[in-house]
Amino acid sequence: MFFRNLTMFRFPASADFSVIATLLPQVQLKPVGALEMVSRGFISPFGREEKEILSHRIGDALWLTVGTESKILPNTAVNDALGRKLEQIEQNEGRKPGGRERKRLKDDLLHELLPRALTTSGRTDVLLDLQLGYAVVDTSSRKTGENVMSDIRGMLGTFPAMPLNAEVAPRSILTNWIAGESLPDGLSLGEECQLQDPAQGGAVVKCQYQELRCDEIDKHLDAGKQVTRLALVLEDNLSFVLGEDMVVRKLKFLDGALDKLDQVEEDSRRAELDARFALQSGEIRRLFLLLERVFKISKAGG
């Protein structure tokens, strides 16, 4: 259940989650209806088969999961069916339907095809630190993250969560690091970066599995390119790629963190998930505090 990407938001630490156990059943995922394209709602972090426990909390770390059920109905299938219908009308009645009739026919076809469409399911996990007032969604998509914040807002009635606001330009700091400026204690360069010419439509250079402090990279920097994504390692615990959008991608928990799991007595699947969640929330908090300090991330409303 380790997160692989972190799209982060700030929210007021005063946000009230005390009644969440009462609210969650009211916004629980319902099966997608026969004439619906998608259904979304909260599910248990422990899996869809768990119907009673819809959240999980250890200390100030709260784990929620948004589930979806979506119909698979490709546009090509609808358009092909519409084309056959239009052709049939033209042959039988000697006329071509106008735009309004075409729209009505397409709507009728959707109602006809939807009940027979296949259904796919998905889930998006979110970790909320109730003390520090930040949320991390396991996605690299800002839109997906915003949708999850909207789901929480709909449940609570109010939830003023906002994307991270860095008071110093992330691109500038990432570029300085790769140019040789000292990194914060515990942080080191990985082997991946993306550089971009700041001019509109400028060249983009992507490097992987490469020593980043080298003449080749220096030449790109001398040409004016700036770093927009940079691979970093936090001690021996985490590796990740940080973007100028403050999204953490390719997050991996390394031996320095995973060794702590070996010290935990696990006698059940639930105990194992508890141990992993506690480890993950602690490591993500350390990472967030580092980013908050280095990039001067504003508090919610600040």
C-alpha atoms as a PDB file:
ATOM      1  CA  MET A   1       0.000   0.000   0.000  1.00  0.00           C
ATOM      2  CA  PHE A   2       2.996   2.297  -0.264  1.00  0.00           C
ATOM      3  CA  PHE A   3       2.209   5.453  -2.218  1.00  0.00           C
ATOM      4  CA  ARG A   4       4.069   5.839  -5.512  1.00  0.00           C
ATOM      5  CA  ASN A   5       3.326   9.522  -6.168  1.00  0.00           C
ATOM      6  CA  LEU A   6       2.507  12.466  -3.932  1.00  0.00           C
ATOM      7  CA  THR A   7       0.321  15.367  -5.006  1.00  0.00           C
ATOM      8  CA  MET A   8       0.187  17.577  -1.930  1.00  0.00           C
ATOM      9  CA  PHE A   9      -2.271  20.095  -0.526  1.00  0.00           C
ATOM     10  CA  ARG A  10      -2.390  22.315   2.555  1.00  0.00           C
ATOM     11  CA  PHE A  11      -5.466  22.659   4.716  1.00  0.00           C
ATOM     12  CA  PRO A  12      -6.085  24.357   8.075  1.00  0.00           C
ATOM     13  CA  ALA A  13      -4.954  22.143  10.932  1.00  0.00           C
ATOM     14  CA  SER A  14      -8.162  23.230  12.651  1.00  0.00           C
ATOM     15  CA  ALA A  15     -10.258  21.192  10.183  1.00  0.00           C
ATOM     16  CA  ASP A  16     -12.656  19.002  12.146  1.00  0.00           C
ATOM     17  CA  PHE A  17     -12.509  15.289  11.364  1.00  0.00           C
ATOM     18  CA  SER A  18     -14.071  14.193  14.663  1.00  0.00           C
ATOM     19  CA  VAL A  19     -17.356  13.124  13.062  1.00  0.00           C
ATOM     20  CA  ILE A  20     -15.827  11.347  10.094  1.00  0.00           C
ATOM     21  CA  ALA A  21     -16.998   7.915  11.262  1.00  0.00           C
ATOM     22  CA  THR A  22     -20.578   9.201  11.099  1.00  0.00           C
ATOM     23  CA  LEU A  23     -20.175  10.971   7.759  1.00  0.00           C
ATOM     24  CA  LEU A  24     -18.337   8.324   5.745  1.00  0.00           C
ATOM     25  CA  PRO A  25     -21.246   5.822   5.481  1.00  0.00           C
ATOM     26  CA  GLN A  26     -23.333   8.614   3.932  1.00  0.00           C
ATOM     27  CA  VAL A  27     -20.812   9.095   1.103  1.00  0.00           C
ATOM     28  CA  GLN A  28     -19.827   5.448   0.654  1.00  0.00           C
ATOM     29  CA  LEU A  29     -19.309   4.203  -2.899  1.00  0.00           C
ATOM     30  CA  LYS A  30     -22.487   2.853  -4.498  1.00  0.00           C
ATOM     31  CA  PRO A  31     -22.505   0.510  -7.486  1.00  0.00           C
ATOM     32  CA  VAL A  32     -22.636   2.370 -10.773  1.00  0.00           C
ATOM     33  CA  GLY A  33     -26.211   2.516 -12.024  1.00  0.00           C
ATOM     34  CA  ALA A  34     -27.443   0.959 -15.240  1.00  0.00           C
ATOM     35  CA  LEU A  35     -27.640   4.357 -16.950  1.00  0.00           C
ATOM     36  CA  GLU A  36     -24.638   5.968 -15.225  1.00  0.00           C
ATOM     37  CA  MET A  37     -21.128   6.321 -16.659  1.00  0.00           C
ATOM     38  CA  VAL A  38     -19.332   6.555 -13.305  1.00  0.00           C
ATOM     39  CA  SER A  39     -19.937   6.308  -9.586  1.00  0.00           C
ATOM     40  CA  ARG A  40     -17.496   7.494  -6.917  1.00  0.00           C
ATOM     41  CA  GLY A  41     -17.468   7.464  -3.149  1.00  0.00           C
ATOM     42  CA  PHE A  42     -15.406   6.393  -0.174  1.00  0.00           C
ATOM     43  CA  ILE A  43     -14.373   2.787   0.394  1.00  0.00           C
ATOM     44  CA  SER A  44     -12.374   1.099   3.122  1.00  0.00           C
ATOM     45  CA  PRO A  45      -8.607   1.570   2.858  1.00  0.00           C
ATOM     46  CA  PHE A  46      -8.423  -2.152   3.594  1.00  0.00           C
ATOM     47  CA  GLY A  47     -10.307  -3.113   0.423  1.00  0.00           C
ATOM     48  CA  ARG A  48     -13.804  -3.113  -1.048  1.00  0.00           C
ATOM     49  CA  GLU A  49     -14.762  -6.278   0.770  1.00  0.00           C
ATOM     50  CA  GLU A  50     -14.520  -4.379   4.082  1.00  0.00           C
ATOM     51  CA  LYS A  51     -17.849  -2.591   4.513  1.00  0.00           C
ATOM     52  CA  GLU A  52     -17.690  -1.342   8.104  1.00  0.00           C
ATOM     53  CA  ILE A  53     -14.281   0.331   8.557  1.00  0.00           C
ATOM     54  CA  LEU A  54     -14.162   3.206   6.064  1.00  0.00           C
ATOM     55  CA  SER A  55     -11.091   5.015   7.396  1.00  0.00           C
ATOM     56  CA  HIS A  56      -7.937   4.267   9.312  1.00  0.00           C
ATOM     57  CA  ARG A  57      -6.034   6.474  11.730  1.00  0.00           C
ATOM     58  CA  ILE A  58      -2.791   6.154  13.633  1.00  0.00           C
ATOM     59  CA  GLY A  59      -1.988   9.197  15.749  1.00  0.00           C
ATOM     60  CA  ASP A  60      -2.431  12.297  13.607  1.00  0.00           C
ATOM     61  CA  ALA A  61      -2.281  10.362  10.334  1.00  0.00           C
ATOM     62  CA  LEU A  62      -5.646   9.627   8.703  1.00  0.00           C
ATOM     63  CA  TRP A  63      -5.988   7.296   5.720  1.00  0.00           C
ATOM     64  CA  LEU A  64      -8.977   7.637   3.383  1.00  0.00           C
ATOM     65  CA  THR A  65      -9.697   5.962   0.062  1.00  0.00           C
ATOM     66  CA  VAL A  66     -11.945   7.120  -2.770  1.00  0.00           C
ATOM     67  CA  GLY A  67     -13.266   4.325  -4.962  1.00  0.00           C
ATOM     68  CA  THR A  68     -14.757   4.514  -8.436  1.00  0.00           C
ATOM     69  CA  GLU A  69     -16.804   2.304 -10.715  1.00  0.00           C
ATOM     70  CA  SER A  70     -16.776   3.329 -14.383  1.00  0.00           C
ATOM     71  CA  LYS A  71     -18.513   2.001 -17.478  1.00  0.00           C
ATOM     72  CA  ILE A  72     -16.268   1.167 -20.426  1.00  0.00           C
ATOM     73  CA  LEU A  73     -18.041   2.552 -23.461  1.00  0.00           C
ATOM     74  CA  PRO A  74     -15.576   3.766 -26.101  1.00  0.00           C
ATOM     75  CA  ASN A  75     -16.640   6.712 -28.251  1.00  0.00           C
ATOM     76  CA  THR A  76     -15.793   4.663 -31.326  1.00  0.00           C
ATOM     77  CA  ALA A  77     -18.418   2.076 -30.381  1.00  0.00           C
ATOM     78  CA  VAL A  78     -21.089   4.746 -29.911  1.00  0.00           C
ATOM     79  CA  ASN A  79     -20.124   6.550 -33.110  1.00  0.00           C
ATOM     80  CA  ASP A  80     -20.122   3.288 -35.104  1.00  0.00           C
ATOM     81  CA  ALA A  81     -23.605   2.458 -33.825  1.00  0.00           C
ATOM     82  CA  LEU A  82     -24.771   6.003 -34.614  1.00  0.00           C
ATOM     83  CA  GLY A  83     -23.325   5.768 -38.121  1.00  0.00           C
ATOM     84  CA  ARG A  84     -25.247   2.561 -38.791  1.00  0.00           C
ATOM     85  CA  LYS A  85     -28.446   4.156 -37.468  1.00  0.00           C
ATOM     86  CA  LEU A  86     -28.024   7.242 -39.661  1.00  0.00           C
ATOM     87  CA  GLU A  87     -27.302   5.093 -42.691  1.00  0.00           C
ATOM     88  CA  GLN A  88     -30.428   3.053 -42.025  1.00  0.00           C
ATOM     89  CA  ILE A  89     -32.599   6.193 -41.779  1.00  0.00           C
ATOM     90  CA  GLU A  90     -31.146   7.570 -45.005  1.00  0.00           C
ATOM     91  CA  GLN A  91     -31.815   4.315 -46.856  1.00  0.00           C
ATOM     92  CA  ASN A  92     -35.323   3.793 -45.469  1.00  0.00           C
ATOM     93  CA  GLU A  93     -36.566   7.396 -45.455  1.00  0.00           C
ATOM     94  CA  GLY A  94     -34.374   9.083 -48.050  1.00  0.00           C
ATOM     95  CA  ARG A  95     -33.253  11.884 -45.746  1.00  0.00           C
ATOM     96  CA  LYS A  96     -30.295  12.859 -43.543  1.00  0.00           C
ATOM     97  CA  PRO A  97     -31.142  13.636 -39.909  1.00  0.00           C
ATOM     98  CA  GLY A  98     -30.214  17.146 -38.719  1.00  0.00           C
ATOM     99  CA  GLY A  99     -28.005  18.023 -35.773  1.00  0.00           C
ATOM    100  CA  ARG A 100     -30.762  18.000 -33.150  1.00  0.00           C
ATOM    101  CA  GLU A 101     -32.048  14.612 -34.268  1.00  0.00           C
ATOM    102  CA  ARG A 102     -28.515  13.213 -34.411  1.00  0.00           C
ATOM    103  CA  LYS A 103     -27.990  14.265 -30.792  1.00  0.00           C
ATOM    104  CA  ARG A 104     -31.257  12.617 -29.735  1.00  0.00           C
ATOM    105  CA  LEU A 105     -30.320   9.419 -31.558  1.00  0.00           C
ATOM    106  CA  LYS A 106     -26.930   9.392 -29.883  1.00  0.00           C
ATOM    107  CA  ASP A 107     -28.507   9.852 -26.437  1.00  0.00           C
ATOM    108  CA  ASP A 108     -30.891   6.986 -27.179  1.00  0.00           C
ATOM    109  CA  LEU A 109     -27.957   4.772 -28.161  1.00  0.00           C
ATOM    110  CA  LEU A 110     -26.116   5.629 -24.956  1.00  0.00           C
ATOM    111  CA  HIS A 111     -29.149   4.572 -22.912  1.00  0.00           C
ATOM    112  CA  GLU A 112     -29.306   1.372 -24.934  1.00  0.00           C
ATOM    113  CA  LEU A 113     -25.601   0.512 -24.676  1.00  0.00           C
ATOM    114  CA  LEU A 114     -24.814   1.589 -21.086  1.00  0.00           C
ATOM    115  CA  PRO A 115     -26.592  -1.288 -19.287  1.00  0.00           C
ATOM    116  CA  ARG A 116     -24.531  -3.781 -21.331  1.00  0.00           C
ATOM    117  CA  ALA A 117     -21.180  -1.996 -20.919  1.00  0.00           C
ATOM    118  CA  LEU A 118     -18.378  -3.547 -18.895  1.00  0.00           C
ATOM    119  CA  THR A 119     -17.489  -1.969 -15.561  1.00  0.00           C
ATOM    120  CA  THR A 120     -14.020  -1.201 -14.252  1.00  0.00           C
ATOM    121  CA  SER A 121     -13.077  -0.198 -10.707  1.00  0.00           C
ATOM    122  CA  GLY A 122     -10.384   2.074  -9.320  1.00  0.00           C
ATOM    123  CA  ARG A 123      -9.159   3.574  -6.065  1.00  0.00           C
ATOM    124  CA  THR A 124      -7.188   6.631  -4.993  1.00  0.00           C
ATOM    125  CA  ASP A 125      -5.630   6.806  -1.532  1.00  0.00           C
ATOM    126  CA  VAL A 126      -5.041   9.959   0.479  1.00  0.00           C
ATOM    127  CA  LEU A 127      -3.061  10.503   3.669  1.00  0.00           C
ATOM    128  CA  LEU A 128      -3.972  13.485   5.838  1.00  0.00           C
ATOM    129  CA  ASP A 129      -1.671  14.790   8.558  1.00  0.00           C
ATOM    130  CA  LEU A 130      -4.161  16.368  10.942  1.00  0.00           C
ATOM    131  CA  GLN A 131      -1.507  18.044  13.082  1.00  0.00           C
ATOM    132  CA  LEU A 132       0.522  19.747  10.354  1.00  0.00           C
ATOM    133  CA  GLY A 133      -2.400  20.326   8.000  1.00  0.00           C
ATOM    134  CA  TYR A 134      -1.366  18.699   4.749  1.00  0.00           C
ATOM    135  CA  ALA A 135      -2.812  16.004   2.507  1.00  0.00           C
ATOM    136  CA  VAL A 136      -0.959  13.767   0.065  1.00  0.00           C
ATOM    137  CA  VAL A 137      -2.853  11.973  -2.680  1.00  0.00           C
ATOM    138  CA  ASP A 138      -1.314   8.917  -4.331  1.00  0.00           C
ATOM    139  CA  THR A 139      -1.326  10.376  -7.830  1.00  0.00           C
ATOM    140  CA  SER A 140       0.826  12.505 -10.095  1.00  0.00           C
ATOM    141  CA  SER A 141      -2.290  14.124 -11.605  1.00  0.00           C
ATOM    142  CA  ARG A 142      -3.289  17.478 -10.168  1.00  0.00           C
ATOM    143  CA  LYS A 143      -6.841  16.929 -11.453  1.00  0.00           C
ATOM    144  CA  THR A 144      -7.148  13.594  -9.652  1.00  0.00           C
ATOM    145  CA  GLY A 145      -5.831  15.185  -6.471  1.00  0.00           C
ATOM    146  CA  GLU A 146      -8.307  18.060  -6.760  1.00  0.00           C
ATOM    147  CA  ASN A 147     -11.136  15.562  -7.245  1.00  0.00           C
ATOM    148  CA  VAL A 148     -10.211  13.803  -4.006  1.00  0.00           C
ATOM    149  CA  MET A 149     -10.095  17.145  -2.148  1.00  0.00           C
ATOM    150  CA  SER A 150     -13.555  17.853  -3.594  1.00  0.00           C
ATOM    151  CA  ASP A 151     -14.803  14.484  -2.304  1.00  0.00           C
ATOM    152  CA  ILE A 152     -13.567  15.319   1.199  1.00  0.00           C
ATOM    153  CA  ARG A 153     -15.075  18.806   0.930  1.00  0.00           C
ATOM    154  CA  GLY A 154     -18.413  17.314  -0.073  1.00  0.00           C
ATOM    155  CA  MET A 155     -18.334  15.021   2.951  1.00  0.00           C
ATOM    156  CA  LEU A 156     -17.304  17.651   5.526  1.00  0.00           C
ATOM    157  CA  GLY A 157     -19.285  20.533   4.043  1.00  0.00           C
ATOM    158  CA  THR A 158     -16.168  22.716   4.029  1.00  0.00           C
ATOM    159  CA  PHE A 159     -12.524  21.850   3.443  1.00  0.00           C
ATOM    160  CA  PRO A 160     -10.346  24.718   2.140  1.00  0.00           C
ATOM    161  CA  ALA A 161      -7.510  22.595   0.791  1.00  0.00           C
ATOM    162  CA  MET A 162      -5.144  24.299  -1.634  1.00  0.00           C
ATOM    163  CA  PRO A 163      -2.136  23.119  -3.694  1.00  0.00           C
ATOM    164  CA  LEU A 164       1.245  23.837  -2.159  1.00  0.00           C
ATOM    165  CA  ASN A 165       2.377  27.435  -2.475  1.00  0.00           C
ATOM    166  CA  ALA A 166       6.185  27.708  -2.568  1.00  0.00           C
ATOM    167  CA  GLU A 167       7.432  31.205  -1.794  1.00  0.00           C
ATOM    168  CA  VAL A 168      10.706  30.533  -3.633  1.00  0.00           C
ATOM    169  CA  ALA A 169      10.782  29.268  -7.218  1.00  0.00           C
ATOM    170  CA  PRO A 170      11.250  25.470  -7.166  1.00  0.00           C
ATOM    171  CA  ARG A 171      12.893  25.547 -10.607  1.00  0.00           C
ATOM    172  CA  SER A 172      15.577  27.898  -9.278  1.00  0.00           C
ATOM    173  CA  ILE A 173      16.396  25.710  -6.290  1.00  0.00           C
ATOM    174  CA  LEU A 174      16.462  22.487  -8.325  1.00  0.00           C
ATOM    175  CA  THR A 175      18.757  24.128 -10.883  1.00  0.00           C
ATOM    176  CA  ASN A 176      21.109  25.384  -8.166  1.00  0.00           C
ATOM    177  CA  TRP A 177      21.329  21.917  -6.646  1.00  0.00           C
ATOM    178  CA  ILE A 178      22.324  20.291  -9.898  1.00  0.00           C
ATOM    179  CA  ALA A 179      24.791  23.131 -10.554  1.00  0.00           C
ATOM    180  CA  GLY A 180      26.698  22.258  -7.399  1.00  0.00           C
ATOM    181  CA  GLU A 181      25.024  24.158  -4.571  1.00  0.00           C
ATOM    182  CA  SER A 182      24.955  22.250  -1.295  1.00  0.00           C
ATOM    183  CA  LEU A 183      21.813  20.223  -0.676  1.00  0.00           C
ATOM    184  CA  PRO A 184      20.051  20.138   2.706  1.00  0.00           C
ATOM    185  CA  ASP A 185      21.400  17.613   5.215  1.00  0.00           C
ATOM    186  CA  GLY A 186      20.288  14.087   4.367  1.00  0.00           C
ATOM    187  CA  LEU A 187      19.384  14.899   0.772  1.00  0.00           C
ATOM    188  CA  SER A 188      21.477  13.804  -2.216  1.00  0.00           C
ATOM    189  CA  LEU A 189      21.157  13.751  -5.992  1.00  0.00           C
ATOM    190  CA  GLY A 190      19.737  10.718  -7.784  1.00  0.00           C
ATOM    191  CA  GLU A 191      20.358   9.748 -11.395  1.00  0.00           C
ATOM    192  CA  GLU A 192      17.515  11.424 -13.267  1.00  0.00           C
ATOM    193  CA  CYS A 193      16.618  14.963 -14.284  1.00  0.00           C
ATOM    194  CA  GLN A 194      14.741  17.009 -16.830  1.00  0.00           C
ATOM    195  CA  LEU A 195      16.110  20.306 -18.124  1.00  0.00           C
ATOM    196  CA  GLN A 196      14.216  22.838 -20.181  1.00  0.00           C
ATOM    197  CA  ASP A 197      15.038  26.000 -22.063  1.00  0.00           C
ATOM    198  CA  PRO A 198      12.911  28.721 -20.407  1.00  0.00           C
ATOM    199  CA  ALA A 199      11.978  30.220 -23.779  1.00  0.00           C
ATOM    200  CA  GLN A 200       8.488  29.347 -24.987  1.00  0.00           C
ATOM    201  CA  GLY A 201       8.681  26.079 -26.897  1.00  0.00           C
ATOM    202  CA  GLY A 202      12.286  25.662 -25.777  1.00  0.00           C
ATOM    203  CA  ALA A 203      14.207  22.398 -25.942  1.00  0.00           C
ATOM    204  CA  VAL A 204      13.675  19.735 -23.271  1.00  0.00           C
ATOM    205  CA  VAL A 205      16.439  17.335 -22.238  1.00  0.00           C
ATOM    206  CA  LYS A 206      15.725  14.202 -20.171  1.00  0.00           C
ATOM    207  CA  CYS A 207      18.505  12.268 -18.460  1.00  0.00           C
ATOM    208  CA  GLN A 208      18.215   8.889 -16.726  1.00  0.00           C
ATOM    209  CA  TYR A 209      20.732   6.580 -15.060  1.00  0.00           C
ATOM    210  CA  GLN A 210      23.352   9.296 -15.274  1.00  0.00           C
ATOM    211  CA  GLU A 211      25.724  11.015 -12.885  1.00  0.00           C
ATOM    212  CA  LEU A 212      24.187  14.477 -12.691  1.00  0.00           C
ATOM    213  CA  ARG A 213      27.301  16.394 -11.681  1.00  0.00           C
ATOM    214  CA  CYS A 214      29.155  16.126 -14.984  1.00  0.00           C
ATOM    215  CA  ASP A 215      30.387  18.212 -17.918  1.00  0.00           C
ATOM    216  CA  GLU A 216      27.437  17.206 -20.111  1.00  0.00           C
ATOM    217  CA  ILE A 217      24.911  18.586 -17.621  1.00  0.00           C
ATOM    218  CA  ASP A 218      27.047  21.695 -17.053  1.00  0.00           C
ATOM    219  CA  LYS A 219      26.933  22.472 -20.777  1.00  0.00           C
ATOM    220  CA  HIS A 220      23.136  22.416 -20.712  1.00  0.00           C
ATOM    221  CA  LEU A 221      23.142  24.732 -17.699  1.00  0.00           C
ATOM    222  CA  ASP A 222      25.633  27.065 -19.389  1.00  0.00           C
ATOM    223  CA  ALA A 223      23.248  27.192 -22.376  1.00  0.00           C
ATOM    224  CA  GLY A 224      20.536  28.530 -20.067  1.00  0.00           C
ATOM    225  CA  LYS A 225      18.484  25.398 -19.459  1.00  0.00           C
ATOM    226  CA  GLN A 226      16.794  25.030 -16.086  1.00  0.00           C
ATOM    227  CA  VAL A 227      15.878  21.949 -14.079  1.00  0.00           C
ATOM    228  CA  THR A 228      12.166  21.139 -13.998  1.00  0.00           C
ATOM    229  CA  ARG A 229      12.422  17.635 -12.482  1.00  0.00           C
ATOM    230  CA  LEU A 230      15.159  16.180 -10.318  1.00  0.00           C
ATOM    231  CA  ALA A 231      15.747  12.763  -8.771  1.00  0.00           C
ATOM    232  CA  LEU A 232      16.657  12.944  -5.086  1.00  0.00           C
ATOM    233  CA  VAL A 233      17.407  10.544  -2.250  1.00  0.00           C
ATOM    234  CA  LEU A 234      16.516  11.245   1.375  1.00  0.00           C
ATOM    235  CA  GLU A 235      19.138   9.446   3.445  1.00  0.00           C
ATOM    236  CA  ASP A 236      18.736   5.728   2.766  1.00  0.00           C
ATOM    237  CA  ASN A 237      14.983   5.889   3.258  1.00  0.00           C
ATOM    238  CA  LEU A 238      13.322   7.433   0.201  1.00  0.00           C
ATOM    239  CA  SER A 239      14.085   8.031  -3.442  1.00  0.00           C
ATOM    240  CA  PHE A 240      11.851  10.199  -5.614  1.00  0.00           C
ATOM    241  CA  VAL A 241      11.654  12.663  -8.487  1.00  0.00           C
ATOM    242  CA  LEU A 242      10.629  16.174  -7.459  1.00  0.00           C
ATOM    243  CA  GLY A 243       9.073  18.458 -10.074  1.00  0.00           C
ATOM    244  CA  GLU A 244       8.855  22.210 -10.227  1.00  0.00           C
ATOM    245  CA  ASP A 245       5.112  21.678  -9.710  1.00  0.00           C
ATOM    246  CA  MET A 246       5.996  20.269  -6.255  1.00  0.00           C
ATOM    247  CA  VAL A 247       4.620  16.866  -7.225  1.00  0.00           C
ATOM    248  CA  VAL A 248       6.669  13.902  -5.994  1.00  0.00           C
ATOM    249  CA  ARG A 249       6.865  11.125  -8.574  1.00  0.00           C
ATOM    250  CA  LYS A 250       8.434   7.646  -8.588  1.00  0.00           C
ATOM    251  CA  LEU A 251       8.448   7.484  -4.790  1.00  0.00           C
ATOM    252  CA  LYS A 252      10.265   4.412  -3.461  1.00  0.00           C
ATOM    253  CA  PHE A 253      10.849   3.286   0.099  1.00  0.00           C
ATOM    254  CA  LEU A 254      14.440   2.121   0.456  1.00  0.00           C
ATOM    255  CA  ASP A 255      16.137  -0.315   2.806  1.00  0.00           C
ATOM    256  CA  GLY A 256      16.742   2.338   5.441  1.00  0.00           C
ATOM    257  CA  ALA A 257      12.977   2.605   5.884  1.00  0.00           C
ATOM    258  CA  LEU A 258      11.949  -0.959   5.059  1.00  0.00           C
ATOM    259  CA  ASP A 259      14.369  -2.434   7.609  1.00  0.00           C
ATOM    260  CA  LYS A 260      12.140  -0.941  10.297  1.00  0.00           C
ATOM    261  CA  LEU A 261       9.349  -3.291   9.210  1.00  0.00           C
ATOM    262  CA  ASP A 262      11.520  -6.291  10.065  1.00  0.00           C
ATOM    263  CA  GLN A 263      11.427  -5.176  13.691  1.00  0.00           C
ATOM    264  CA  VAL A 264       7.633  -5.361  13.841  1.00  0.00           C
ATOM    265  CA  GLU A 265       5.798  -8.488  14.949  1.00  0.00           C
ATOM    266  CA  GLU A 266       3.131  -9.126  12.290  1.00  0.00           C
ATOM    267  CA  ASP A 267       0.519 -11.760  13.040  1.00  0.00           C
ATOM    268  CA  SER A 268      -2.113 -10.711  10.526  1.00  0.00           C
ATOM    269  CA  ARG A 269      -2.686  -8.867   7.286  1.00  0.00           C
ATOM    270  CA  ARG A 270      -4.214  -5.963   9.226  1.00  0.00           C
ATOM    271  CA  ALA A 271      -1.159  -5.755  11.489  1.00  0.00           C
ATOM    272  CA  GLU A 272       1.088  -5.654   8.435  1.00  0.00           C
ATOM    273  CA  LEU A 273      -0.947  -2.820   6.900  1.00  0.00           C
ATOM    274  CA  ASP A 274      -0.822  -0.951  10.213  1.00  0.00           C
ATOM    275  CA  ALA A 275       2.953  -1.222  10.300  1.00  0.00           C
ATOM    276  CA  ARG A 276       3.307  -0.078   6.688  1.00  0.00           C
ATOM    277  CA  PHE A 277       0.922   2.831   7.201  1.00  0.00           C
ATOM    278  CA  ALA A 278       2.752   3.991  10.320  1.00  0.00           C
ATOM    279  CA  LEU A 279       6.087   3.778   8.498  1.00  0.00           C
ATOM    280  CA  GLN A 280       4.774   5.559   5.421  1.00  0.00           C
ATOM    281  CA  SER A 281       3.100   8.396   7.310  1.00  0.00           C
ATOM    282  CA  GLY A 282       6.266   9.006   9.331  1.00  0.00           C
ATOM    283  CA  GLU A 283       8.564   9.070   6.297  1.00  0.00           C
ATOM    284  CA  ILE A 284       6.221  11.293   4.292  1.00  0.00           C
ATOM    285  CA  ARG A 285       6.028  13.693   7.231  1.00  0.00           C
ATOM    286  CA  ARG A 286       9.828  13.935   7.293  1.00  0.00           C
ATOM    287  CA  LEU A 287       9.852  14.619   3.565  1.00  0.00           C
ATOM    288  CA  PHE A 288       7.098  17.212   3.804  1.00  0.00           C
ATOM    289  CA  LEU A 289       8.844  19.077   6.625  1.00  0.00           C
ATOM    290  CA  LEU A 290      12.018  19.192   4.541  1.00  0.00           C
ATOM    291  CA  LEU A 291      10.183  20.532   1.498  1.00  0.00           C
ATOM    292  CA  GLU A 292       8.276  23.024   3.656  1.00  0.00           C
ATOM    293  CA  ARG A 293      11.531  24.414   5.040  1.00  0.00           C
ATOM    294  CA  VAL A 294      13.517  24.485   1.799  1.00  0.00           C
ATOM    295  CA  PHE A 295      10.802  25.873  -0.475  1.00  0.00           C
ATOM    296  CA  LYS A 296       9.134  28.012   2.197  1.00  0.00           C
ATOM    297  CA  ILE A 297       5.728  26.440   1.717  1.00  0.00           C
ATOM    298  CA  SER A 298       2.924  28.606   3.067  1.00  0.00           C
ATOM    299  CA  LYS A 299       0.472  27.301   5.603  1.00  0.00           C
ATOM    300  CA  ALA A 300      -3.188  27.141   4.618  1.00  0.00           C
ATOM    301  CA  GLY A 301      -4.519  30.666   4.483  1.00  0.00           C
ATOM    302  CA  GLY A 302      -1.002  32.042   4.974  1.00  0.00           C
END
